[in-house]
Amino acid sequence: MMRELSWIGLLLISAYLLGSIPTGYLAGRLVKGIDIREIGSGSTGATNVLRNLGKGPALVVLLIDATKGVGAVALVHGFFALTGSSVMPDTWKPWLVAVVALAAMLGHSKSIWINFTGGKSAATGLGVLFAMSWFVALSVLVIFIGVVSFSRIVSLGSIAAAIAVAVLMIVLAQPLPYQIFGIVAGLYVILRHRANIQRLLVGTEPRLGQSASTEMISS
């Protein structure tokens, strides 16, 4: 049992460190020599990067942050591909995928490299979803785009997508570990948007297209 726990711990730490790569922070330093956490929304996510650094850096940050999520799940698949069932039974795999995915999302939002700050885990979470269930991920992405297109509020799209993850995992009868992941991850992303929710309730949440000095969009 200690051997299994050791491997699980190693995979969790690896996924957390992968997720904690501060892409947006590094983009701010490299492109403009700024700390992206000190301007705009204070998030290191792609939306704040878009607002303050431009489309090119934002696209790179978005892709890398999503790739971190894919990579975290790939760690588990790679582990089982190399070891087969000699270390852990195959029935453990979906559970390990779920907890490793959560570790990567935690790393993105609480990066050890930048004093446990970061983004709001939306992009990394989307990458995780594509690695877990492409159909759920694509459906969530469509919902996000639809809500943002209609409302012009990114945080509202992120919250709707977070709710949709849990609902779709259950409705589409995904494995139980994935359903639990959908609920936990969705709640975590919503929790990360609590300030945005407060502004939504009082009607002060900014919309896309506002100036960098006033817009505080989540990412």
Protein backbone atom coordinates (compact mmCIF):
# COMPACT_ATOMS: atom_id res chain seq x y z
CA MET A 1 0.00 0.00 0.00
CA MET A 2 2.85 2.39 0.74
CA ARG A 3 4.15 1.93 -2.78
CA GLU A 4 0.79 2.89 -4.27
CA LEU A 5 0.49 5.92 -2.00
CA SER A 6 4.00 7.02 -2.94
CA TRP A 7 3.18 6.91 -6.64
CA ILE A 8 -0.11 8.74 -6.10
CA GLY A 9 1.69 11.43 -4.13
CA LEU A 10 4.31 11.80 -6.86
CA LEU A 11 1.66 12.14 -9.56
CA LEU A 12 -0.27 14.70 -7.52
CA ILE A 13 2.83 16.80 -6.87
CA SER A 14 3.83 16.60 -10.54
CA ALA A 15 0.34 17.67 -11.66
CA TYR A 16 0.30 20.55 -9.17
CA LEU A 17 3.73 21.78 -10.31
CA LEU A 18 2.70 21.50 -13.94
CA GLY A 19 -0.46 23.48 -13.26
CA SER A 20 1.46 26.05 -11.24
CA ILE A 21 3.62 27.21 -14.16
CA PRO A 22 2.68 30.93 -14.06
CA THR A 23 2.20 31.49 -17.78
CA GLY A 24 0.39 34.80 -17.55
CA TYR A 25 2.83 36.17 -15.01
CA LEU A 26 5.78 35.21 -17.20
CA ALA A 27 4.09 36.77 -20.24
CA GLY A 28 3.75 40.05 -18.38
CA ARG A 29 7.41 40.04 -17.39
CA LEU A 30 8.64 39.06 -20.84
CA VAL A 31 6.41 41.28 -22.97
CA LYS A 32 6.18 44.47 -20.93
CA GLY A 33 8.28 43.92 -17.83
CA ILE A 34 5.21 44.19 -15.60
CA ASP A 35 3.61 42.11 -12.88
CA ILE A 36 0.24 41.20 -14.40
CA ARG A 37 -1.12 40.67 -10.89
CA GLU A 38 -0.81 44.37 -10.16
CA ILE A 39 -3.01 45.59 -13.02
CA GLY A 40 -6.51 44.95 -14.31
CA SER A 41 -8.26 42.15 -12.46
CA GLY A 42 -5.03 40.95 -10.86
CA SER A 43 -5.49 37.53 -12.42
CA THR A 44 -2.72 35.79 -14.34
CA GLY A 45 -5.28 34.28 -16.71
CA ALA A 46 -5.67 34.86 -20.44
CA THR A 47 -8.40 37.52 -20.16
CA ASN A 48 -6.30 39.85 -18.04
CA VAL A 49 -3.36 39.19 -20.36
CA LEU A 50 -5.54 40.03 -23.37
CA ARG A 51 -6.61 43.28 -21.79
CA ASN A 52 -3.12 44.41 -20.86
CA LEU A 53 -0.72 42.68 -23.25
CA GLY A 54 -2.73 42.06 -26.41
CA LYS A 55 -4.17 39.21 -28.44
CA GLY A 56 -0.92 37.40 -29.27
CA PRO A 57 0.31 36.93 -25.69
CA ALA A 58 -3.24 36.12 -24.54
CA LEU A 59 -3.59 33.35 -27.11
CA VAL A 60 -0.25 31.85 -26.09
CA VAL A 61 -1.20 32.00 -22.41
CA LEU A 62 -4.60 30.43 -23.10
CA LEU A 63 -3.11 27.55 -25.08
CA ILE A 64 -0.36 26.86 -22.56
CA ASP A 65 -2.74 27.02 -19.60
CA ALA A 66 -5.09 24.58 -21.32
CA THR A 67 -2.17 22.34 -22.24
CA LYS A 68 -1.21 22.18 -18.56
CA GLY A 69 -4.56 20.55 -17.89
CA VAL A 70 -4.14 18.09 -20.73
CA GLY A 71 -0.63 17.30 -19.55
CA ALA A 72 -1.77 16.56 -16.00
CA VAL A 73 -4.22 13.92 -17.19
CA ALA A 74 -1.60 12.59 -19.60
CA LEU A 75 0.67 11.92 -16.63
CA VAL A 76 -1.82 9.34 -15.36
CA HIS A 77 -2.33 7.72 -18.75
CA GLY A 78 1.42 7.59 -19.25
CA PHE A 79 1.91 6.04 -15.83
CA PHE A 80 -0.55 3.24 -16.53
CA ALA A 81 0.86 2.75 -20.02
CA LEU A 82 4.31 2.19 -18.55
CA THR A 83 3.35 0.14 -15.52
CA GLY A 84 0.18 -1.58 -16.64
CA SER A 85 -1.63 -2.95 -13.59
CA SER A 86 1.57 -3.99 -11.82
CA VAL A 87 1.51 -0.99 -9.48
CA MET A 88 -2.19 -0.07 -9.30
CA PRO A 89 -5.33 -1.81 -10.54
CA ASP A 90 -6.91 -0.31 -13.66
CA THR A 91 -10.03 0.50 -11.65
CA TRP A 92 -8.02 3.18 -9.85
CA LYS A 93 -7.28 5.04 -13.07
CA PRO A 94 -10.41 7.25 -13.34
CA TRP A 95 -10.11 8.19 -9.67
CA LEU A 96 -6.46 9.12 -10.14
CA VAL A 97 -7.32 11.14 -13.25
CA ALA A 98 -9.90 13.09 -11.25
CA VAL A 99 -7.64 13.98 -8.32
CA VAL A 100 -4.67 14.78 -10.55
CA ALA A 101 -6.90 17.06 -12.62
CA LEU A 102 -7.93 18.91 -9.47
CA ALA A 103 -4.28 19.22 -8.44
CA ALA A 104 -3.44 20.89 -11.75
CA MET A 105 -6.31 23.36 -11.38
CA LEU A 106 -5.21 24.15 -7.84
CA GLY A 107 -1.67 24.72 -9.09
CA HIS A 108 -2.90 27.19 -11.70
CA SER A 109 -4.83 29.28 -9.20
CA LYS A 110 -2.43 28.88 -6.27
CA SER A 111 1.00 28.77 -7.87
CA ILE A 112 3.88 28.07 -5.55
CA TRP A 113 6.13 30.17 -7.81
CA ILE A 114 4.18 33.43 -7.34
CA ASN A 115 3.22 33.29 -3.65
CA PHE A 116 0.19 31.06 -4.21
CA THR A 117 -1.60 33.48 -6.51
CA GLY A 118 -2.68 32.86 -10.09
CA GLY A 119 -5.68 32.64 -12.37
CA LYS A 120 -9.16 31.26 -11.86
CA SER A 121 -8.52 27.80 -13.34
CA ALA A 122 -10.95 28.11 -16.25
CA ALA A 123 -8.45 27.48 -19.06
CA THR A 124 -6.59 24.72 -17.20
CA GLY A 125 -9.95 23.19 -16.31
CA LEU A 126 -10.97 23.23 -19.97
CA GLY A 127 -7.76 21.43 -20.89
CA VAL A 128 -8.47 18.84 -18.24
CA LEU A 129 -11.96 18.32 -19.64
CA PHE A 130 -10.69 17.77 -23.17
CA ALA A 131 -8.37 15.08 -21.84
CA MET A 132 -11.14 13.48 -19.76
CA SER A 133 -14.14 13.75 -22.11
CA TRP A 134 -13.87 15.72 -25.33
CA PHE A 135 -17.65 15.82 -25.80
CA VAL A 136 -18.23 17.35 -22.36
CA ALA A 137 -15.41 19.83 -22.97
CA LEU A 138 -16.77 20.85 -26.36
CA SER A 139 -20.28 21.25 -24.94
CA VAL A 140 -18.98 23.39 -22.07
CA LEU A 141 -16.98 25.52 -24.51
CA VAL A 142 -20.09 26.11 -26.64
CA ILE A 143 -22.04 27.16 -23.54
CA PHE A 144 -19.25 29.51 -22.48
CA ILE A 145 -19.05 31.14 -25.91
CA GLY A 146 -22.83 31.43 -26.11
CA VAL A 147 -23.18 33.13 -22.73
CA VAL A 148 -20.28 35.51 -23.37
CA SER A 149 -21.57 36.36 -26.86
CA PHE A 150 -24.98 37.21 -25.45
CA SER A 151 -23.93 38.97 -22.22
CA ARG A 152 -20.45 40.25 -23.10
CA ILE A 153 -19.43 39.23 -19.57
CA VAL A 154 -16.63 36.66 -19.36
CA SER A 155 -17.15 35.87 -15.69
CA LEU A 156 -20.79 34.99 -16.36
CA GLY A 157 -19.68 32.63 -19.11
CA SER A 158 -17.14 31.02 -16.79
CA ILE A 159 -19.73 30.52 -14.05
CA ALA A 160 -22.25 29.05 -16.50
CA ALA A 161 -19.57 26.72 -17.85
CA ALA A 162 -18.63 25.62 -14.32
CA ILE A 163 -22.24 24.68 -13.61
CA ALA A 164 -22.52 22.94 -16.97
CA VAL A 165 -19.51 20.72 -16.23
CA ALA A 166 -21.19 19.12 -13.23
CA VAL A 167 -24.55 18.77 -14.99
CA LEU A 168 -23.12 17.26 -18.17
CA MET A 169 -20.87 14.81 -16.34
CA ILE A 170 -23.96 13.45 -14.57
CA VAL A 171 -26.43 13.63 -17.46
CA LEU A 172 -24.00 11.96 -19.86
CA ALA A 173 -23.31 9.20 -17.33
CA GLN A 174 -19.59 9.74 -17.15
CA PRO A 175 -17.64 7.56 -14.67
CA LEU A 176 -18.41 8.36 -11.03
CA PRO A 177 -14.96 9.89 -10.38
CA TYR A 178 -15.54 12.25 -13.31
CA GLN A 179 -18.95 13.22 -11.97
CA ILE A 180 -17.43 14.02 -8.60
CA PHE A 181 -14.67 15.95 -10.35
CA GLY A 182 -17.28 17.96 -12.24
CA ILE A 183 -19.04 18.94 -9.03
CA VAL A 184 -15.87 19.78 -7.08
CA ALA A 185 -14.13 21.57 -9.95
CA GLY A 186 -17.28 23.49 -10.83
CA LEU A 187 -17.71 24.66 -7.24
CA TYR A 188 -14.04 25.64 -7.06
CA VAL A 189 -14.21 27.75 -10.21
CA ILE A 190 -17.39 29.43 -8.95
CA LEU A 191 -15.68 30.10 -5.61
CA ARG A 192 -12.78 31.70 -7.46
CA HIS A 193 -15.36 34.04 -9.06
CA ARG A 194 -17.02 35.12 -5.82
CA ALA A 195 -15.99 38.77 -6.28
CA ASN A 196 -17.40 38.69 -9.81
CA ILE A 197 -20.64 37.21 -8.48
CA GLN A 198 -20.99 40.07 -6.02
CA ARG A 199 -20.59 42.57 -8.86
CA LEU A 200 -23.05 40.66 -11.02
CA LEU A 201 -25.66 40.81 -8.27
CA VAL A 202 -25.40 44.59 -8.00
CA GLY A 203 -25.05 45.12 -11.75
CA THR A 204 -21.50 46.49 -11.74
CA GLU A 205 -19.65 43.63 -13.43
CA PRO A 206 -17.85 45.10 -16.47
CA ARG A 207 -18.42 43.82 -19.98
CA LEU A 208 -16.02 43.01 -22.78
CA GLY A 209 -14.68 46.01 -24.63
CA GLN A 210 -14.24 48.31 -21.66
CA SER A 211 -10.90 49.98 -21.08
CA ALA A 212 -8.11 48.23 -19.23
CA SER A 213 -8.38 50.70 -16.38
CA THR A 214 -11.99 49.81 -15.59
CA GLU A 215 -12.54 46.29 -16.82
CA MET A 216 -12.11 43.52 -14.24
CA ILE A 217 -12.93 40.39 -16.17
CA SER A 218 -12.20 36.97 -14.73
CA SER A 219 -9.96 34.46 -16.39
